[in-house]
Amino acid sequence: MKKIILGLIILVGAASCQEQQKIAFVDNAKVVNEFNKKVDFEANFKTKIDAFNKKADSLNKMIQMEAQAFQASASKMKQSVAEEKYNTLLQKKQMQDYQISNEEKALTAEGQKQLDTIVKEVKAFIKDYGKTNGYTYILGANDAGSVLYGNDTNDITEEILSALNKDSEKEDVKSEE
């Protein structure tokens, strides 16, 4: 009996000597969405999108005006001339649509590439932050349910966001010099 009690004491003592793991979680969406670089990117990108939309609207209005002018004068033209002008106008509209579509795809690709870069930067920062601050794990909380429950004391979202934005500001200052 004494050996069993002694064994249990040794087992409990050994278990209590083990290093405690430091685990936390971060709200991924909040960190990415409130990251200064993403906020700045969205503001700049909105300007590009607005300029693109104005250009597309302007081109569409020009074609509409040409189509209206054609309709007004088509009845006075010979059938063959009217058909030729109509086909020319149709080709012009198709080329314009193709151009707008290509510009829209390029703009979308540019935006997605920048967002991917921002997400990679956030992930790398969190990884470095975890190593530097002695975390065993930093879990990502998101809508998919990676962390279904976490004690608020283990939520380091604000801490990460603050450090990430400070680090980003330092980089901006260095790049301006």
N, C-alpha and C. Protein backbone atom coordinates (compact mmCIF):
# COMPACT_ATOMS: atom_id res chain seq x y z
N MET A 1 0.82 -1.19 0.00
CA MET A 1 0.00 0.00 0.00
C MET A 1 0.87 1.26 0.00
N LYS A 2 1.93 1.25 0.80
CA LYS A 2 2.82 2.40 0.84
C LYS A 2 3.46 2.64 -0.52
N LYS A 3 3.79 1.55 -1.23
CA LYS A 3 4.40 1.67 -2.55
C LYS A 3 3.42 2.32 -3.54
N ILE A 4 2.15 1.99 -3.43
CA ILE A 4 1.14 2.56 -4.32
C ILE A 4 1.00 4.06 -4.05
N ILE A 5 0.92 4.42 -2.77
CA ILE A 5 0.79 5.84 -2.41
C ILE A 5 2.03 6.59 -2.84
N LEU A 6 3.21 6.02 -2.60
CA LEU A 6 4.46 6.64 -3.00
C LEU A 6 4.50 6.80 -4.53
N GLY A 7 4.06 5.78 -5.25
CA GLY A 7 4.01 5.84 -6.72
C GLY A 7 3.08 6.95 -7.21
N LEU A 8 1.91 7.08 -6.57
CA LEU A 8 0.97 8.14 -6.93
C LEU A 8 1.55 9.52 -6.65
N ILE A 9 2.24 9.67 -5.53
CA ILE A 9 2.85 10.96 -5.19
C ILE A 9 3.91 11.31 -6.23
N ILE A 10 4.71 10.33 -6.61
CA ILE A 10 5.74 10.58 -7.63
C ILE A 10 5.10 10.93 -8.97
N LEU A 11 4.04 10.22 -9.31
CA LEU A 11 3.33 10.46 -10.57
C LEU A 11 2.72 11.86 -10.58
N VAL A 12 2.07 12.26 -9.50
CA VAL A 12 1.47 13.60 -9.40
C VAL A 12 2.56 14.66 -9.43
N GLY A 13 3.65 14.40 -8.73
CA GLY A 13 4.76 15.35 -8.72
C GLY A 13 5.36 15.52 -10.11
N ALA A 14 5.53 14.44 -10.83
CA ALA A 14 6.09 14.51 -12.19
C ALA A 14 5.13 15.24 -13.13
N ALA A 15 3.85 14.99 -12.98
CA ALA A 15 2.86 15.64 -13.83
C ALA A 15 2.81 17.14 -13.57
N SER A 16 2.98 17.53 -12.31
CA SER A 16 2.92 18.95 -12.00
C SER A 16 4.17 19.69 -12.45
N CYS A 17 5.24 18.97 -12.68
CA CYS A 17 6.48 19.59 -13.14
C CYS A 17 6.48 19.85 -14.64
N GLN A 18 5.56 19.22 -15.34
CA GLN A 18 5.53 19.42 -16.78
C GLN A 18 5.21 20.87 -17.12
N GLU A 19 5.81 21.35 -18.19
CA GLU A 19 5.61 22.73 -18.63
C GLU A 19 4.18 22.90 -19.15
N GLN A 20 3.54 23.95 -18.70
CA GLN A 20 2.19 24.24 -19.15
C GLN A 20 2.25 24.85 -20.55
N GLN A 21 1.35 24.40 -21.42
CA GLN A 21 1.32 24.92 -22.79
C GLN A 21 0.55 26.23 -22.79
N LYS A 22 1.08 27.18 -23.56
CA LYS A 22 0.45 28.49 -23.69
C LYS A 22 -0.36 28.49 -24.98
N ILE A 23 -1.68 28.57 -24.84
CA ILE A 23 -2.58 28.49 -25.99
C ILE A 23 -3.49 29.72 -26.00
N ALA A 24 -3.70 30.26 -27.19
CA ALA A 24 -4.59 31.41 -27.35
C ALA A 24 -5.32 31.27 -28.68
N PHE A 25 -6.26 32.17 -28.92
CA PHE A 25 -6.94 32.17 -30.21
C PHE A 25 -7.12 33.60 -30.69
N VAL A 26 -7.30 33.72 -32.00
CA VAL A 26 -7.43 35.02 -32.66
C VAL A 26 -8.63 34.96 -33.61
N ASP A 27 -9.41 36.02 -33.63
CA ASP A 27 -10.50 36.13 -34.59
C ASP A 27 -9.89 36.55 -35.93
N ASN A 28 -9.70 35.58 -36.80
CA ASN A 28 -9.02 35.81 -38.09
C ASN A 28 -9.64 36.95 -38.88
N ALA A 29 -10.94 36.91 -39.01
CA ALA A 29 -11.64 37.90 -39.85
C ALA A 29 -11.45 39.30 -39.29
N LYS A 30 -11.54 39.45 -37.99
CA LYS A 30 -11.39 40.77 -37.39
C LYS A 30 -9.97 41.30 -37.61
N VAL A 31 -8.98 40.45 -37.41
CA VAL A 31 -7.59 40.89 -37.58
C VAL A 31 -7.35 41.34 -39.02
N VAL A 32 -7.78 40.55 -39.98
CA VAL A 32 -7.55 40.90 -41.38
C VAL A 32 -8.35 42.14 -41.76
N ASN A 33 -9.63 42.17 -41.39
CA ASN A 33 -10.50 43.29 -41.79
C ASN A 33 -10.13 44.62 -41.14
N GLU A 34 -9.54 44.59 -39.96
CA GLU A 34 -9.18 45.82 -39.27
C GLU A 34 -7.69 46.16 -39.38
N PHE A 35 -6.95 45.34 -40.14
CA PHE A 35 -5.53 45.60 -40.37
C PHE A 35 -5.42 46.86 -41.22
N ASN A 36 -4.63 47.82 -40.77
CA ASN A 36 -4.51 49.12 -41.45
C ASN A 36 -4.20 48.97 -42.94
N LYS A 37 -3.33 48.03 -43.29
CA LYS A 37 -2.99 47.86 -44.71
C LYS A 37 -4.21 47.46 -45.52
N LYS A 38 -5.08 46.62 -44.96
CA LYS A 38 -6.27 46.21 -45.70
C LYS A 38 -7.25 47.38 -45.81
N VAL A 39 -7.41 48.12 -44.74
CA VAL A 39 -8.31 49.28 -44.75
C VAL A 39 -7.84 50.28 -45.80
N ASP A 40 -6.53 50.56 -45.82
CA ASP A 40 -5.96 51.49 -46.82
C ASP A 40 -6.12 50.95 -48.23
N PHE A 41 -5.85 49.65 -48.39
CA PHE A 41 -5.99 49.02 -49.71
C PHE A 41 -7.42 49.16 -50.21
N GLU A 42 -8.39 48.87 -49.35
CA GLU A 42 -9.79 48.95 -49.77
C GLU A 42 -10.17 50.37 -50.20
N ALA A 43 -9.67 51.36 -49.47
CA ALA A 43 -9.98 52.74 -49.82
C ALA A 43 -9.39 53.09 -51.19
N ASN A 44 -8.13 52.71 -51.42
CA ASN A 44 -7.47 52.98 -52.70
C ASN A 44 -8.12 52.18 -53.83
N PHE A 45 -8.48 50.96 -53.55
CA PHE A 45 -9.07 50.09 -54.57
C PHE A 45 -10.46 50.58 -54.94
N LYS A 46 -11.19 51.12 -53.96
CA LYS A 46 -12.52 51.67 -54.24
C LYS A 46 -12.40 52.81 -55.24
N THR A 47 -11.35 53.61 -55.12
CA THR A 47 -11.11 54.70 -56.06
C THR A 47 -10.90 54.14 -57.47
N LYS A 48 -10.12 53.05 -57.58
CA LYS A 48 -9.89 52.43 -58.88
C LYS A 48 -11.19 51.87 -59.46
N ILE A 49 -11.99 51.25 -58.60
CA ILE A 49 -13.25 50.67 -59.06
C ILE A 49 -14.20 51.77 -59.53
N ASP A 50 -14.25 52.86 -58.77
CA ASP A 50 -15.11 53.98 -59.16
C ASP A 50 -14.68 54.56 -60.51
N ALA A 51 -13.37 54.70 -60.71
CA ALA A 51 -12.85 55.22 -61.99
C ALA A 51 -13.20 54.26 -63.13
N PHE A 52 -13.06 52.98 -62.87
CA PHE A 52 -13.40 51.97 -63.89
C PHE A 52 -14.89 52.05 -64.23
N ASN A 53 -15.73 52.15 -63.21
CA ASN A 53 -17.18 52.22 -63.44
C ASN A 53 -17.57 53.47 -64.23
N LYS A 54 -16.93 54.60 -63.92
CA LYS A 54 -17.21 55.83 -64.66
C LYS A 54 -16.81 55.67 -66.13
N LYS A 55 -15.64 55.06 -66.35
CA LYS A 55 -15.17 54.85 -67.72
C LYS A 55 -16.14 53.94 -68.48
N ALA A 56 -16.54 52.84 -67.85
CA ALA A 56 -17.46 51.89 -68.49
C ALA A 56 -18.80 52.57 -68.79
N ASP A 57 -19.31 53.34 -67.83
CA ASP A 57 -20.58 54.05 -68.04
C ASP A 57 -20.46 55.04 -69.19
N SER A 58 -19.36 55.75 -69.24
CA SER A 58 -19.14 56.73 -70.30
C SER A 58 -19.10 56.06 -71.67
N LEU A 59 -18.38 54.95 -71.76
CA LEU A 59 -18.30 54.22 -73.03
C LEU A 59 -19.69 53.70 -73.44
N ASN A 60 -20.43 53.19 -72.48
CA ASN A 60 -21.77 52.68 -72.78
C ASN A 60 -22.71 53.80 -73.23
N LYS A 61 -22.60 54.96 -72.62
CA LYS A 61 -23.43 56.10 -73.03
C LYS A 61 -23.09 56.54 -74.45
N MET A 62 -21.79 56.52 -74.79
CA MET A 62 -21.39 56.90 -76.15
C MET A 62 -22.00 55.96 -77.18
N ILE A 63 -21.94 54.67 -76.89
CA ILE A 63 -22.52 53.68 -77.82
C ILE A 63 -24.04 53.89 -77.91
N GLN A 64 -24.68 54.15 -76.79
CA GLN A 64 -26.13 54.37 -76.80
C GLN A 64 -26.49 55.60 -77.64
N MET A 65 -25.68 56.63 -77.51
CA MET A 65 -25.94 57.83 -78.31
C MET A 65 -25.76 57.55 -79.79
N GLU A 66 -24.74 56.80 -80.14
CA GLU A 66 -24.52 56.42 -81.54
C GLU A 66 -25.68 55.57 -82.04
N ALA A 67 -26.16 54.66 -81.20
CA ALA A 67 -27.28 53.80 -81.59
C ALA A 67 -28.55 54.61 -81.80
N GLN A 68 -28.78 55.59 -80.94
CA GLN A 68 -29.95 56.45 -81.09
C GLN A 68 -29.85 57.29 -82.37
N ALA A 69 -28.66 57.80 -82.63
CA ALA A 69 -28.46 58.59 -83.86
C ALA A 69 -28.67 57.71 -85.08
N PHE A 70 -28.19 56.48 -85.00
CA PHE A 70 -28.38 55.54 -86.12
C PHE A 70 -29.87 55.27 -86.33
N GLN A 71 -30.60 55.01 -85.25
CA GLN A 71 -32.03 54.72 -85.36
C GLN A 71 -32.78 55.91 -85.98
N ALA A 72 -32.39 57.08 -85.61
CA ALA A 72 -33.06 58.27 -86.13
C ALA A 72 -32.82 58.45 -87.62
N SER A 73 -31.64 58.06 -88.07
CA SER A 73 -31.31 58.28 -89.49
C SER A 73 -31.44 57.02 -90.35
N ALA A 74 -31.68 55.88 -89.74
CA ALA A 74 -31.72 54.61 -90.49
C ALA A 74 -32.85 54.56 -91.51
N SER A 75 -33.96 55.15 -91.18
CA SER A 75 -35.10 55.09 -92.10
C SER A 75 -34.84 55.88 -93.39
N LYS A 76 -33.90 56.81 -93.34
CA LYS A 76 -33.58 57.63 -94.52
C LYS A 76 -32.47 57.00 -95.37
N MET A 77 -31.88 55.91 -94.88
CA MET A 77 -30.76 55.28 -95.60
C MET A 77 -31.26 54.12 -96.46
N LYS A 78 -30.42 53.77 -97.43
CA LYS A 78 -30.68 52.56 -98.20
C LYS A 78 -30.53 51.37 -97.25
N GLN A 79 -31.21 50.30 -97.55
CA GLN A 79 -31.18 49.09 -96.72
C GLN A 79 -29.75 48.59 -96.55
N SER A 80 -28.98 48.52 -97.62
CA SER A 80 -27.61 47.99 -97.56
C SER A 80 -26.71 48.89 -96.71
N VAL A 81 -26.85 50.20 -96.82
CA VAL A 81 -26.04 51.15 -96.03
C VAL A 81 -26.44 51.05 -94.56
N ALA A 82 -27.73 50.94 -94.31
CA ALA A 82 -28.22 50.82 -92.93
C ALA A 82 -27.69 49.55 -92.28
N GLU A 83 -27.72 48.45 -93.02
CA GLU A 83 -27.21 47.18 -92.48
C GLU A 83 -25.72 47.28 -92.19
N GLU A 84 -24.97 47.90 -93.09
CA GLU A 84 -23.53 48.06 -92.92
C GLU A 84 -23.23 48.90 -91.68
N LYS A 85 -23.93 50.01 -91.52
CA LYS A 85 -23.72 50.88 -90.34
C LYS A 85 -24.14 50.15 -89.06
N TYR A 86 -25.23 49.39 -89.14
CA TYR A 86 -25.69 48.63 -87.98
C TYR A 86 -24.63 47.60 -87.57
N ASN A 87 -24.08 46.86 -88.53
CA ASN A 87 -23.05 45.86 -88.24
C ASN A 87 -21.80 46.52 -87.65
N THR A 88 -21.43 47.68 -88.20
CA THR A 88 -20.27 48.41 -87.67
C THR A 88 -20.51 48.81 -86.22
N LEU A 89 -21.70 49.29 -85.95
CA LEU A 89 -22.06 49.69 -84.58
C LEU A 89 -22.08 48.48 -83.65
N LEU A 90 -22.59 47.38 -84.13
CA LEU A 90 -22.63 46.14 -83.35
C LEU A 90 -21.22 45.65 -83.02
N GLN A 91 -20.32 45.69 -84.01
CA GLN A 91 -18.93 45.29 -83.78
C GLN A 91 -18.25 46.21 -82.76
N LYS A 92 -18.53 47.48 -82.88
CA LYS A 92 -17.95 48.45 -81.94
C LYS A 92 -18.42 48.14 -80.52
N LYS A 93 -19.69 47.83 -80.35
CA LYS A 93 -20.25 47.49 -79.04
C LYS A 93 -19.61 46.21 -78.49
N GLN A 94 -19.44 45.21 -79.37
CA GLN A 94 -18.82 43.96 -78.93
C GLN A 94 -17.37 44.17 -78.50
N MET A 95 -16.63 44.98 -79.25
CA MET A 95 -15.23 45.28 -78.89
C MET A 95 -15.18 46.02 -77.56
N GLN A 96 -16.08 46.95 -77.38
CA GLN A 96 -16.13 47.71 -76.13
C GLN A 96 -16.44 46.78 -74.96
N ASP A 97 -17.42 45.91 -75.13
CA ASP A 97 -17.77 44.95 -74.07
C ASP A 97 -16.59 44.05 -73.73
N TYR A 98 -15.87 43.62 -74.75
CA TYR A 98 -14.69 42.77 -74.57
C TYR A 98 -13.63 43.53 -73.77
N GLN A 99 -13.38 44.78 -74.14
CA GLN A 99 -12.39 45.61 -73.46
C GLN A 99 -12.79 45.82 -71.99
N ILE A 100 -14.04 46.14 -71.76
CA ILE A 100 -14.51 46.36 -70.38
C ILE A 100 -14.39 45.08 -69.57
N SER A 101 -14.75 43.97 -70.17
CA SER A 101 -14.66 42.68 -69.48
C SER A 101 -13.22 42.36 -69.10
N ASN A 102 -12.29 42.59 -70.01
CA ASN A 102 -10.87 42.33 -69.72
C ASN A 102 -10.34 43.25 -68.62
N GLU A 103 -10.71 44.51 -68.66
CA GLU A 103 -10.28 45.43 -67.61
C GLU A 103 -10.86 45.04 -66.26
N GLU A 104 -12.11 44.60 -66.28
CA GLU A 104 -12.75 44.18 -65.03
C GLU A 104 -12.05 42.94 -64.46
N LYS A 105 -11.72 41.98 -65.31
CA LYS A 105 -11.00 40.78 -64.87
C LYS A 105 -9.63 41.14 -64.30
N ALA A 106 -8.93 42.05 -64.95
CA ALA A 106 -7.61 42.48 -64.48
C ALA A 106 -7.73 43.18 -63.13
N LEU A 107 -8.73 43.99 -62.97
CA LEU A 107 -8.95 44.71 -61.71
C LEU A 107 -9.28 43.71 -60.59
N THR A 108 -10.11 42.74 -60.88
CA THR A 108 -10.46 41.71 -59.90
C THR A 108 -9.24 40.90 -59.51
N ALA A 109 -8.43 40.51 -60.49
CA ALA A 109 -7.21 39.74 -60.21
C ALA A 109 -6.24 40.54 -59.35
N GLU A 110 -6.11 41.82 -59.67
CA GLU A 110 -5.22 42.69 -58.89
C GLU A 110 -5.69 42.77 -57.44
N GLY A 111 -6.98 42.95 -57.26
CA GLY A 111 -7.54 43.03 -55.91
C GLY A 111 -7.34 41.74 -55.13
N GLN A 112 -7.59 40.61 -55.78
CA GLN A 112 -7.44 39.32 -55.11
C GLN A 112 -5.98 39.06 -54.75
N LYS A 113 -5.08 39.42 -55.64
CA LYS A 113 -3.65 39.23 -55.37
C LYS A 113 -3.22 40.05 -54.15
N GLN A 114 -3.69 41.28 -54.08
CA GLN A 114 -3.33 42.14 -52.94
C GLN A 114 -3.92 41.60 -51.65
N LEU A 115 -5.17 41.13 -51.68
CA LEU A 115 -5.78 40.56 -50.48
C LEU A 115 -5.04 39.30 -50.03
N ASP A 116 -4.64 38.46 -50.99
CA ASP A 116 -3.87 37.26 -50.65
C ASP A 116 -2.56 37.63 -49.98
N THR A 117 -1.91 38.67 -50.48
CA THR A 117 -0.66 39.14 -49.89
C THR A 117 -0.88 39.62 -48.46
N ILE A 118 -1.96 40.33 -48.24
CA ILE A 118 -2.27 40.83 -46.90
C ILE A 118 -2.54 39.67 -45.94
N VAL A 119 -3.30 38.67 -46.38
CA VAL A 119 -3.60 37.51 -45.53
C VAL A 119 -2.32 36.76 -45.20
N LYS A 120 -1.44 36.58 -46.17
CA LYS A 120 -0.16 35.91 -45.91
C LYS A 120 0.67 36.70 -44.90
N GLU A 121 0.66 38.02 -45.03
CA GLU A 121 1.40 38.86 -44.09
C GLU A 121 0.86 38.70 -42.67
N VAL A 122 -0.46 38.67 -42.54
CA VAL A 122 -1.08 38.51 -41.22
C VAL A 122 -0.70 37.15 -40.63
N LYS A 123 -0.79 36.10 -41.43
CA LYS A 123 -0.45 34.76 -40.94
C LYS A 123 1.01 34.69 -40.49
N ALA A 124 1.90 35.25 -41.29
CA ALA A 124 3.33 35.25 -40.93
C ALA A 124 3.56 36.04 -39.64
N PHE A 125 2.88 37.17 -39.51
CA PHE A 125 3.03 37.97 -38.30
C PHE A 125 2.57 37.19 -37.08
N ILE A 126 1.41 36.55 -37.17
CA ILE A 126 0.88 35.78 -36.03
C ILE A 126 1.83 34.64 -35.67
N LYS A 127 2.39 33.99 -36.67
CA LYS A 127 3.35 32.91 -36.42
C LYS A 127 4.57 33.45 -35.66
N ASP A 128 5.13 34.55 -36.13
CA ASP A 128 6.29 35.16 -35.45
C ASP A 128 5.91 35.64 -34.05
N TYR A 129 4.73 36.22 -33.93
CA TYR A 129 4.25 36.70 -32.64
C TYR A 129 4.16 35.54 -31.65
N GLY A 130 3.63 34.43 -32.12
CA GLY A 130 3.50 33.25 -31.27
C GLY A 130 4.85 32.73 -30.80
N LYS A 131 5.81 32.66 -31.72
CA LYS A 131 7.15 32.20 -31.35
C LYS A 131 7.80 33.16 -30.36
N THR A 132 7.72 34.45 -30.66
CA THR A 132 8.36 35.47 -29.82
C THR A 132 7.77 35.50 -28.41
N ASN A 133 6.47 35.27 -28.30
CA ASN A 133 5.80 35.39 -27.01
C ASN A 133 5.55 34.04 -26.32
N GLY A 134 6.17 32.99 -26.80
CA GLY A 134 6.14 31.69 -26.13
C GLY A 134 4.84 30.93 -26.20
N TYR A 135 4.07 31.13 -27.25
CA TYR A 135 2.83 30.37 -27.40
C TYR A 135 3.12 29.01 -28.01
N THR A 136 2.45 28.00 -27.49
CA THR A 136 2.53 26.68 -28.08
C THR A 136 1.62 26.62 -29.30
N TYR A 137 0.43 27.21 -29.14
CA TYR A 137 -0.54 27.26 -30.22
C TYR A 137 -1.25 28.62 -30.21
N ILE A 138 -1.52 29.14 -31.40
CA ILE A 138 -2.46 30.24 -31.57
C ILE A 138 -3.47 29.75 -32.59
N LEU A 139 -4.68 29.55 -32.14
CA LEU A 139 -5.73 29.01 -32.99
C LEU A 139 -6.47 30.14 -33.67
N GLY A 140 -7.01 29.85 -34.83
CA GLY A 140 -7.78 30.85 -35.57
C GLY A 140 -9.26 30.63 -35.37
N ALA A 141 -9.94 31.63 -34.86
CA ALA A 141 -11.40 31.56 -34.70
C ALA A 141 -12.02 32.18 -35.93
N ASN A 142 -12.97 31.47 -36.53
CA ASN A 142 -13.64 31.99 -37.71
C ASN A 142 -15.04 31.42 -37.80
N ASP A 143 -15.76 31.80 -38.83
CA ASP A 143 -17.13 31.34 -39.00
C ASP A 143 -17.23 29.84 -39.23
N ALA A 144 -16.16 29.23 -39.72
CA ALA A 144 -16.18 27.79 -39.97
C ALA A 144 -16.15 27.00 -38.66
N GLY A 145 -15.77 27.64 -37.58
CA GLY A 145 -15.83 26.97 -36.29
C GLY A 145 -14.53 26.34 -35.85
N SER A 146 -13.40 26.89 -36.20
CA SER A 146 -12.13 26.34 -35.74
C SER A 146 -12.07 26.34 -34.22
N VAL A 147 -12.52 27.43 -33.61
CA VAL A 147 -12.61 27.52 -32.16
C VAL A 147 -14.09 27.70 -31.83
N LEU A 148 -14.68 26.65 -31.32
CA LEU A 148 -16.10 26.72 -30.99
C LEU A 148 -16.32 27.44 -29.67
N TYR A 149 -15.38 27.32 -28.77
CA TYR A 149 -15.43 28.05 -27.52
C TYR A 149 -14.02 28.36 -27.07
N GLY A 150 -13.86 29.54 -26.56
CA GLY A 150 -12.58 29.91 -25.97
C GLY A 150 -12.82 30.92 -24.87
N ASN A 151 -12.13 30.74 -23.76
CA ASN A 151 -12.23 31.68 -22.66
C ASN A 151 -11.70 33.02 -23.14
N ASP A 152 -12.41 34.09 -22.82
CA ASP A 152 -12.02 35.42 -23.30
C ASP A 152 -10.60 35.80 -22.90
N THR A 153 -10.11 35.24 -21.82
CA THR A 153 -8.73 35.56 -21.42
C THR A 153 -7.71 35.00 -22.40
N ASN A 154 -8.13 34.03 -23.20
CA ASN A 154 -7.24 33.44 -24.20
C ASN A 154 -7.40 34.07 -25.57
N ASP A 155 -8.31 35.05 -25.69
CA ASP A 155 -8.53 35.75 -26.96
C ASP A 155 -7.52 36.89 -27.06
N ILE A 156 -6.57 36.76 -27.97
CA ILE A 156 -5.53 37.77 -28.12
C ILE A 156 -5.71 38.56 -29.42
N THR A 157 -6.94 38.61 -29.92
CA THR A 157 -7.23 39.30 -31.17
C THR A 157 -6.79 40.76 -31.12
N GLU A 158 -7.22 41.48 -30.11
CA GLU A 158 -6.88 42.91 -30.00
C GLU A 158 -5.38 43.11 -29.84
N GLU A 159 -4.76 42.24 -29.07
CA GLU A 159 -3.31 42.30 -28.86
C GLU A 159 -2.57 42.12 -30.18
N ILE A 160 -2.98 41.13 -30.96
CA ILE A 160 -2.37 40.85 -32.27
C ILE A 160 -2.62 42.02 -33.22
N LEU A 161 -3.85 42.50 -33.26
CA LEU A 161 -4.21 43.59 -34.17
C LEU A 161 -3.39 44.84 -33.87
N SER A 162 -3.28 45.16 -32.61
CA SER A 162 -2.50 46.33 -32.19
C SER A 162 -1.03 46.18 -32.58
N ALA A 163 -0.45 45.03 -32.29
CA ALA A 163 0.96 44.79 -32.62
C ALA A 163 1.18 44.77 -34.14
N LEU A 164 0.25 44.18 -34.86
CA LEU A 164 0.35 44.11 -36.31
C LEU A 164 0.32 45.50 -36.92
N ASN A 165 -0.60 46.33 -36.48
CA ASN A 165 -0.70 47.69 -37.01
C ASN A 165 0.51 48.54 -36.64
N LYS A 166 1.03 48.36 -35.43
CA LYS A 166 2.25 49.08 -35.03
C LYS A 166 3.42 48.66 -35.91
N ASP A 167 3.54 47.35 -36.15
CA ASP A 167 4.61 46.84 -36.99
C ASP A 167 4.49 47.38 -38.41
N SER A 168 3.26 47.45 -38.91
CA SER A 168 3.01 47.97 -40.25
C SER A 168 3.39 49.44 -40.35
N GLU A 169 3.08 50.21 -39.30
CA GLU A 169 3.44 51.62 -39.28
C GLU A 169 4.96 51.80 -39.32
N LYS A 170 5.68 50.94 -38.60
CA LYS A 170 7.14 50.99 -38.60
C LYS A 170 7.68 50.75 -40.00
N GLU A 171 7.10 49.77 -40.72
CA GLU A 171 7.51 49.46 -42.07
C GLU A 171 7.25 50.65 -42.99
N ASP A 172 6.09 51.31 -42.81
CA ASP A 172 5.76 52.46 -43.64
C ASP A 172 6.75 53.59 -43.43
N VAL A 173 7.16 53.82 -42.19
CA VAL A 173 8.12 54.88 -41.87
C VAL A 173 9.47 54.56 -42.52
N LYS A 174 9.88 53.29 -42.45
CA LYS A 174 11.15 52.87 -43.05
C LYS A 174 11.12 53.04 -44.57
N SER A 175 10.01 52.71 -45.19
CA SER A 175 9.92 52.79 -46.65
C SER A 175 9.88 54.24 -47.13
N GLU A 176 9.41 55.17 -46.27
CA GLU A 176 9.35 56.57 -46.64
C GLU A 176 10.72 57.24 -46.54
N GLU A 177 11.61 56.66 -45.73
CA GLU A 177 12.93 57.28 -45.54
C GLU A 177 13.85 57.04 -46.67
